[in-house]
């Protein structure tokens, strides 16, 4: 079994506002294993970034952790002082932010910015740290690194700036790397290069990655496991193969059905109707019920438990209850199911078993 690096259990985070408490994260649990990539996907506002910022203690001043636990290598993070968190940030847990121009200091040479974490955390001399910075620049694919180590951020293209941000995040060989939509502002060609680079550097330093995105196409080639978030909750989690090819939650169906593939015919894509719920007053039952054409009466009254389909696959939907009627998912999802079940004859959604939400912790990764 792979070594467990991170455990998030029963986490709930609120934001205090003039209108009341926004329940941004509502009782989520997941784990992260050594060397794996866990993708967290969902619409804007689903809680992806808030979840990962809580891992680094970077929440806004009006945020409060209502309850829950975040353990890094068995050590509780919640409640640590700012000084204690600063020792973790950049050394053990690092983050690649979405926009490199807001992440980089425009007044500092990039060599200095890459070397700074080594000087702060490793107490290296400036000369040694700059030497390591040069090595990292070459590793992340910055051409003619010796000539550009004294350049400033504005002298680089968007793709090169993102490489610099990756170099800064990885210079201390962190155990956990959080990538917050790192390719959103890049064109498709540069996006592919950055994703290949992240996989290469991950293999080089054997780090674990939490990859935040709303782009399922990126997830398919990047992640080992996928957690689907909606309205501050994880509503489905499993391996990439399970979530992409044997999805069970109607929200996951909607995400996949709105994503073009090489087999998609003209006019087949469908958007998910409606908007996410107001988290000042979250729904009592399934938060997706109001947008879900497959919703049952109980979805309006009671939150669904997680149903376990395999040792690694869980989905929170009443459609998996043995008392639920049979529903016909979108055609694209039916095709995915057929391919998956042909390769995995043992897969049977009728055998799903209701489990406690925290059961997603402790599942063994299939890497």
Protein backbone atom coordinates (compact mmCIF):
# COMPACT_ATOMS: atom_id res chain seq x y z
CA UNK A 1 0.00 0.00 0.00
CA UNK A 2 1.31 3.46 -0.91
CA UNK A 3 2.48 5.76 1.87
CA UNK A 4 -0.19 8.22 3.00
CA UNK A 5 1.07 11.82 2.97
CA UNK A 6 -2.04 13.87 3.66
CA UNK A 7 -5.36 13.17 5.40
CA UNK A 8 -8.31 15.56 5.33
CA UNK A 9 -11.22 14.44 7.49
CA UNK A 10 -14.66 15.97 8.04
CA UNK A 11 -13.44 19.47 7.13
CA UNK A 12 -15.89 22.36 7.34
CA UNK A 13 -14.93 25.97 6.52
CA UNK A 14 -17.18 29.03 6.77
CA UNK A 15 -16.69 32.63 5.68
CA UNK A 16 -18.14 35.42 7.82
CA UNK A 17 -19.93 38.04 5.69
CA UNK A 18 -22.38 40.90 6.31
CA UNK A 19 -25.15 38.63 5.05
CA UNK A 20 -24.22 35.71 7.31
CA UNK A 21 -21.97 32.66 7.17
CA UNK A 22 -21.12 31.24 3.78
CA UNK A 23 -20.64 27.49 4.24
CA UNK A 24 -17.91 27.17 1.62
CA UNK A 25 -16.61 23.71 2.57
CA UNK A 26 -19.06 21.23 4.04
CA UNK A 27 -17.68 18.10 5.69
CA UNK A 28 -15.21 16.83 3.10
CA UNK A 29 -12.78 13.96 3.54
CA UNK A 30 -10.00 12.69 1.26
CA UNK A 31 -6.43 11.45 1.39
CA UNK A 32 -3.27 11.81 -0.71
CA UNK A 33 -0.60 9.17 -1.27
CA UNK A 34 3.10 9.40 -1.98
CA UNK A 35 3.86 10.08 -5.64
CA UNK A 36 0.23 10.25 -6.80
CA UNK A 37 -1.69 13.03 -8.52
CA UNK A 38 -5.17 13.74 -7.15
CA UNK A 39 -7.28 16.02 -9.33
CA UNK A 40 -10.06 18.10 -7.76
CA UNK A 41 -12.61 19.17 -10.38
CA UNK A 42 -15.81 21.16 -10.37
CA UNK A 43 -17.41 24.44 -11.41
CA UNK A 44 -16.17 27.81 -10.17
CA UNK A 45 -17.32 28.31 -6.58
CA UNK A 46 -17.45 24.60 -5.77
CA UNK A 47 -14.77 24.94 -3.07
CA UNK A 48 -11.69 23.61 -4.87
CA UNK A 49 -9.33 26.49 -4.13
CA UNK A 50 -10.61 27.05 -0.58
CA UNK A 51 -9.94 23.40 0.21
CA UNK A 52 -6.35 23.51 -1.01
CA UNK A 53 -5.56 26.91 0.50
CA UNK A 54 -6.62 25.53 3.87
CA UNK A 55 -3.83 22.95 3.52
CA UNK A 56 -1.30 25.80 3.51
CA UNK A 57 -3.01 28.04 6.05
CA UNK A 58 -3.67 30.70 3.41
CA UNK A 59 -7.36 31.30 4.07
CA UNK A 60 -8.79 34.83 4.12
CA UNK A 61 -9.13 36.65 7.44
CA UNK A 62 -12.90 36.17 7.49
CA UNK A 63 -12.57 32.37 7.12
CA UNK A 64 -13.02 30.00 10.04
CA UNK A 65 -12.45 26.27 10.27
CA UNK A 66 -15.66 25.14 11.95
CA UNK A 67 -14.42 21.59 12.52
CA UNK A 68 -12.36 18.86 10.94
CA UNK A 69 -8.78 17.71 10.66
CA UNK A 70 -5.89 18.16 8.20
CA UNK A 71 -2.91 15.94 8.88
CA UNK A 72 0.38 16.12 7.02
CA UNK A 73 2.42 12.97 7.70
CA UNK A 74 0.26 12.42 10.78
CA UNK A 75 0.87 15.93 12.15
CA UNK A 76 -2.20 18.16 12.60
CA UNK A 77 -2.00 21.38 10.55
CA UNK A 78 -5.15 23.10 11.84
CA UNK A 79 -4.23 25.25 14.81
CA UNK A 80 -0.58 25.74 13.88
CA UNK A 81 0.82 29.24 14.32
CA UNK A 82 1.84 31.40 11.36
CA UNK A 83 5.53 30.79 12.20
CA UNK A 84 4.96 27.03 12.17
CA UNK A 85 3.10 27.21 8.85
CA UNK A 86 5.87 29.29 7.29
CA UNK A 87 8.26 26.42 7.97
CA UNK A 88 5.94 24.09 6.02
CA UNK A 89 5.11 26.42 3.12
CA UNK A 90 7.57 26.20 0.30
CA UNK A 91 9.53 23.47 2.05
CA UNK A 92 7.11 20.57 2.60
CA UNK A 93 3.96 21.88 0.89
CA UNK A 94 4.25 24.23 -2.10
CA UNK A 95 1.76 25.82 -4.45
CA UNK A 96 1.64 26.80 -8.12
CA UNK A 97 -0.83 29.64 -8.52
CA UNK A 98 -3.10 30.28 -11.49
CA UNK A 99 -1.59 33.57 -12.70
CA UNK A 100 2.22 33.74 -12.76
CA UNK A 101 2.23 37.53 -13.12
CA UNK A 102 0.58 37.95 -9.72
CA UNK A 103 2.81 35.25 -8.18
CA UNK A 104 6.14 36.73 -9.25
CA UNK A 105 7.73 39.90 -7.86
CA UNK A 106 8.24 42.24 -10.85
CA UNK A 107 11.17 43.99 -9.09
CA UNK A 108 13.24 40.85 -8.40
CA UNK A 109 15.43 38.87 -10.77
CA UNK A 110 14.00 35.43 -11.38
CA UNK A 111 17.20 33.75 -10.17
CA UNK A 112 16.74 35.46 -6.82
CA UNK A 113 13.08 34.41 -6.63
CA UNK A 114 13.89 30.76 -7.36
CA UNK A 115 16.81 30.75 -4.91
CA UNK A 116 14.93 32.46 -2.07
CA UNK A 117 13.16 29.31 -0.72
CA UNK A 118 16.54 27.56 -0.44
CA UNK A 119 18.05 30.49 1.45
CA UNK A 120 15.05 30.69 3.78
CA UNK A 121 14.39 27.00 4.44
CA UNK A 122 17.74 25.31 3.80
CA UNK A 123 19.92 28.19 5.05
CA UNK A 124 22.05 27.92 1.90
CA UNK A 125 24.56 30.56 0.93
CA UNK A 126 23.50 32.88 -1.89
CA UNK A 127 26.10 31.40 -4.26
CA UNK A 128 24.99 27.80 -3.64
CA UNK A 129 21.29 28.70 -3.84
CA UNK A 130 21.78 30.49 -7.17
CA UNK A 131 23.62 27.43 -8.48
CA UNK A 132 20.65 25.24 -7.53
CA UNK A 133 18.28 27.81 -9.08
CA UNK A 134 20.18 27.54 -12.35
CA UNK A 135 19.86 23.73 -12.26
CA UNK A 136 16.11 24.01 -11.65
CA UNK A 137 15.71 26.49 -14.50
CA UNK A 138 17.27 23.93 -16.82
CA UNK A 139 15.09 21.15 -15.37
CA UNK A 140 11.89 23.09 -16.10
CA UNK A 141 13.00 23.75 -19.65
CA UNK A 142 14.00 27.42 -19.70
CA UNK A 143 16.38 27.70 -22.69
CA UNK A 144 19.80 29.32 -22.27
CA UNK A 145 19.22 29.53 -18.50
CA UNK A 146 22.66 31.03 -17.76
CA UNK A 147 21.84 34.07 -19.90
CA UNK A 148 18.37 34.57 -18.37
CA UNK A 149 18.91 33.97 -14.65
CA UNK A 150 19.33 37.72 -14.11
CA UNK A 151 16.24 38.66 -16.13
CA UNK A 152 12.99 40.02 -14.66
CA UNK A 153 9.52 38.42 -15.00
CA UNK A 154 8.31 40.90 -17.65
CA UNK A 155 11.08 39.70 -19.98
CA UNK A 156 9.49 36.23 -20.26
CA UNK A 157 6.44 34.90 -22.09
CA UNK A 158 3.42 33.56 -20.20
CA UNK A 159 4.52 29.95 -20.64
CA UNK A 160 8.07 30.71 -19.45
CA UNK A 161 6.74 32.62 -16.44
CA UNK A 162 4.67 29.59 -15.50
CA UNK A 163 7.83 27.45 -15.74
CA UNK A 164 9.52 29.88 -13.35
CA UNK A 165 6.62 29.57 -10.88
CA UNK A 166 6.93 25.76 -11.09
CA UNK A 167 10.67 26.05 -10.46
CA UNK A 168 10.06 28.17 -7.34
CA UNK A 169 7.46 25.69 -6.03
CA UNK A 170 9.65 22.65 -6.63
CA UNK A 171 13.11 23.98 -5.71
CA UNK A 172 12.86 22.56 -2.17
CA UNK A 173 11.57 19.19 -3.44
CA UNK A 174 8.30 19.45 -1.46
CA UNK A 175 6.31 16.39 -0.42
CA UNK A 176 3.05 17.95 -1.65
CA UNK A 177 2.63 20.26 -4.62
CA UNK A 178 -0.70 22.07 -5.03
CA UNK A 179 -1.37 23.25 -8.59
CA UNK A 180 -4.27 25.73 -8.71
CA UNK A 181 -5.39 25.75 -12.36
CA UNK A 182 -1.79 26.34 -13.51
CA UNK A 183 -2.57 26.18 -17.24
CA UNK A 184 -5.82 28.17 -17.46
CA UNK A 185 -4.25 31.31 -18.99
CA UNK A 186 -2.10 29.41 -21.49
CA UNK A 187 -2.83 28.31 -25.04
CA UNK A 188 -3.30 24.61 -25.74
CA UNK A 189 0.24 23.95 -27.02
CA UNK A 190 1.92 25.61 -24.03
CA UNK A 191 -0.61 23.94 -21.72
CA UNK A 192 0.49 20.50 -22.94
CA UNK A 193 4.14 21.42 -22.41
CA UNK A 194 3.50 22.61 -18.84
CA UNK A 195 1.56 19.42 -17.97
CA UNK A 196 4.34 17.24 -19.39
CA UNK A 197 6.85 19.31 -17.42
CA UNK A 198 4.93 18.85 -14.17
CA UNK A 199 4.81 15.08 -14.65
CA UNK A 200 8.53 15.02 -15.44
CA UNK A 201 9.51 17.06 -12.38
CA UNK A 202 7.10 15.08 -10.17
CA UNK A 203 8.85 11.88 -11.21
CA UNK A 204 12.23 13.52 -10.63
CA UNK A 205 11.49 14.56 -7.02
CA UNK A 206 8.77 11.95 -6.21
CA UNK A 207 6.27 14.51 -4.93
CA UNK A 208 2.50 14.19 -4.61
CA UNK A 209 0.32 16.62 -6.56
CA UNK A 210 -3.13 18.02 -5.88
CA UNK A 211 -4.26 19.38 -9.24
CA UNK A 212 -7.19 21.82 -9.23
CA UNK A 213 -9.01 22.35 -12.51
CA UNK A 214 -12.39 22.65 -14.20
CA UNK A 215 -11.00 21.14 -17.40
CA UNK A 216 -11.72 17.40 -17.47
CA UNK A 217 -9.58 17.01 -20.59
CA UNK A 218 -6.54 18.02 -18.57
CA UNK A 219 -7.44 15.57 -15.79
CA UNK A 220 -7.55 12.55 -18.10
CA UNK A 221 -3.85 12.69 -18.89
CA UNK A 222 -2.61 14.09 -15.59
CA UNK A 223 -4.26 12.44 -12.59
CA UNK A 224 -4.30 9.05 -10.87
CA UNK A 225 -7.47 9.76 -8.88
CA UNK A 226 -10.24 12.34 -9.27
CA UNK A 227 -12.44 14.04 -6.66
CA UNK A 228 -15.51 15.81 -8.07
CA UNK A 229 -16.68 18.78 -5.95
CA UNK A 230 -20.04 20.52 -5.95
CA UNK A 231 -21.38 23.17 -3.55
CA UNK A 232 -18.56 22.69 -1.05
CA UNK A 233 -18.78 18.88 -0.98
CA UNK A 234 -17.03 15.97 -2.64
CA UNK A 235 -19.80 14.12 -4.46
CA UNK A 236 -17.73 11.48 -6.27
CA UNK A 237 -14.17 10.19 -5.94
CA UNK A 238 -12.29 7.35 -7.62
CA UNK A 239 -9.51 6.48 -10.00
CA UNK A 240 -9.39 8.33 -13.32
CA UNK A 241 -10.68 5.21 -15.08
CA UNK A 242 -13.60 4.85 -12.65
CA UNK A 243 -14.73 8.47 -12.65
CA UNK A 244 -14.32 8.97 -16.41
CA UNK A 245 -15.64 5.63 -17.61
CA UNK A 246 -18.00 4.45 -14.85
CA UNK A 247 -19.32 7.75 -13.38
CA UNK A 248 -22.30 7.49 -11.02
CA UNK A 249 -23.28 10.97 -9.87
CA UNK A 250 -25.56 12.95 -12.24
CA UNK A 251 -23.30 16.01 -11.78
CA UNK A 252 -20.32 13.99 -13.04
CA UNK A 253 -22.51 12.85 -15.95
CA UNK A 254 -23.22 16.49 -16.74
CA UNK A 255 -19.55 17.45 -16.66
CA UNK A 256 -18.57 14.58 -18.96
CA UNK A 257 -21.53 15.15 -21.27
CA UNK A 258 -20.47 18.77 -21.78
CA UNK A 259 -16.90 17.81 -22.70
CA UNK A 260 -16.16 17.13 -26.40
CA UNK A 261 -14.33 13.94 -27.36
CA UNK A 262 -13.06 12.57 -30.68
CA UNK A 263 -16.35 10.64 -30.95
CA UNK A 264 -18.64 13.62 -30.29
CA UNK A 265 -20.99 14.39 -33.14
CA UNK A 266 -22.02 17.90 -34.06
CA UNK A 267 -24.73 19.34 -31.82
CA UNK A 268 -24.40 16.68 -29.07
CA UNK A 269 -22.88 18.74 -26.23
CA UNK A 270 -25.21 19.72 -23.40
CA UNK A 271 -24.69 22.32 -20.67
CA UNK A 272 -25.75 21.69 -17.08
CA UNK A 273 -28.86 23.86 -16.53
CA UNK A 274 -29.24 26.30 -13.65
CA UNK A 275 -26.68 27.64 -11.19
CA UNK A 276 -25.05 26.30 -8.00
CA UNK A 277 -26.97 26.81 -4.74
CA UNK A 278 -26.52 29.74 -2.36
CA UNK A 279 -24.18 28.51 0.38
CA UNK A 280 -25.50 31.07 2.84
CA UNK A 281 -28.43 28.68 3.10
CA UNK A 282 -27.38 25.36 1.55
CA UNK A 283 -30.04 22.84 0.53
CA UNK A 284 -31.08 20.28 3.12
CA UNK A 285 -30.75 17.28 0.79
CA UNK A 286 -28.63 16.69 -2.29
CA UNK A 287 -27.22 20.12 -3.28
CA UNK A 288 -27.45 19.18 -6.98
CA UNK A 289 -31.15 18.24 -6.79
CA UNK A 290 -32.49 21.52 -8.21
CA UNK A 291 -30.40 21.11 -11.40
CA UNK A 292 -30.76 17.34 -11.66
CA UNK A 293 -33.38 15.92 -14.05
CA UNK A 294 -32.79 12.50 -12.43
CA UNK A 295 -33.56 13.81 -8.91
CA UNK A 296 -35.75 11.71 -6.60
CA UNK A 297 -38.16 12.99 -3.96
CA UNK A 298 -35.69 12.07 -1.19
CA UNK A 299 -33.05 14.33 -2.75
CA UNK A 300 -35.03 17.34 -1.54
CA UNK A 301 -35.26 15.99 2.00
CA UNK A 302 -32.11 14.09 2.92
CA UNK A 303 -28.43 14.33 2.02
CA UNK A 304 -27.28 11.11 0.32
CA UNK A 305 -24.56 9.02 1.95
CA UNK A 306 -21.55 7.81 0.00
CA UNK A 307 -22.14 4.55 -1.84
CA UNK A 308 -19.07 2.40 -2.40
CA UNK A 309 -18.71 0.73 -5.80
CA UNK A 310 -15.13 -0.53 -5.42
CA UNK A 311 -12.28 -0.15 -2.91
CA UNK A 312 -11.46 3.22 -4.53
CA UNK A 313 -14.77 4.44 -6.01
CA UNK A 314 -17.40 6.34 -4.00
CA UNK A 315 -20.38 8.45 -5.09
CA UNK A 316 -22.93 10.38 -3.00
CA UNK A 317 -26.20 9.89 -4.88
CA UNK A 318 -29.51 8.26 -3.96
CA UNK A 319 -29.61 6.71 -7.44
CA UNK A 320 -27.28 4.01 -6.11
CA UNK A 321 -29.67 3.03 -3.32
CA UNK A 322 -31.20 -0.41 -3.90
CA UNK A 323 -34.69 1.16 -3.62
CA UNK A 324 -34.03 3.74 -6.36
CA UNK A 325 -35.65 3.31 -9.78
CA UNK A 326 -33.53 2.54 -12.82
CA UNK A 327 -32.58 5.66 -14.75
CA UNK A 328 -31.06 6.00 -18.21
CA UNK A 329 -28.01 8.28 -18.16
CA UNK A 330 -26.95 10.42 -21.16
CA UNK A 331 -25.89 8.50 -24.25
CA UNK A 332 -22.24 9.53 -23.84
CA UNK A 333 -22.24 8.10 -20.31
CA UNK A 334 -23.91 4.88 -21.52
CA UNK A 335 -21.07 4.43 -24.03
CA UNK A 336 -18.50 4.95 -21.30
CA UNK A 337 -20.25 2.42 -19.06
CA UNK A 338 -20.33 -0.16 -21.85
CA UNK A 339 -16.62 0.16 -22.54
CA UNK A 340 -15.77 0.05 -18.83
CA UNK A 341 -17.93 -2.97 -18.04
CA UNK A 342 -16.52 -4.83 -21.05
CA UNK A 343 -13.05 -4.38 -19.52
CA UNK A 344 -14.25 -4.87 -15.93
CA UNK A 345 -17.02 -7.52 -15.89
CA UNK A 346 -17.14 -7.36 -12.09
CA UNK A 347 -18.32 -3.71 -12.14
CA UNK A 348 -21.96 -3.61 -11.01
CA UNK A 349 -23.60 -0.43 -9.77
CA UNK A 350 -26.43 -2.49 -8.25
CA UNK A 351 -23.93 -3.87 -5.73
CA UNK A 352 -23.09 -0.40 -4.34
CA UNK A 353 -23.11 -0.24 -0.53
CA UNK A 354 -23.85 2.86 1.56
CA UNK A 355 -20.90 3.87 3.76
CA UNK A 356 -19.95 6.72 6.08
CA UNK A 357 -18.48 9.79 4.34
CA UNK A 358 -15.10 9.33 6.04
CA UNK A 359 -14.79 5.90 4.42
CA UNK A 360 -13.06 7.60 1.49
CA UNK A 361 -10.09 7.89 3.81
CA UNK A 362 -7.81 4.90 3.96
CA UNK A 363 -8.61 3.59 0.48
CA UNK A 364 -5.65 2.12 -1.31
CA UNK A 365 -4.47 3.85 -4.47
CA UNK A 366 -4.21 1.67 -7.54
CA UNK A 367 -0.90 3.11 -8.74
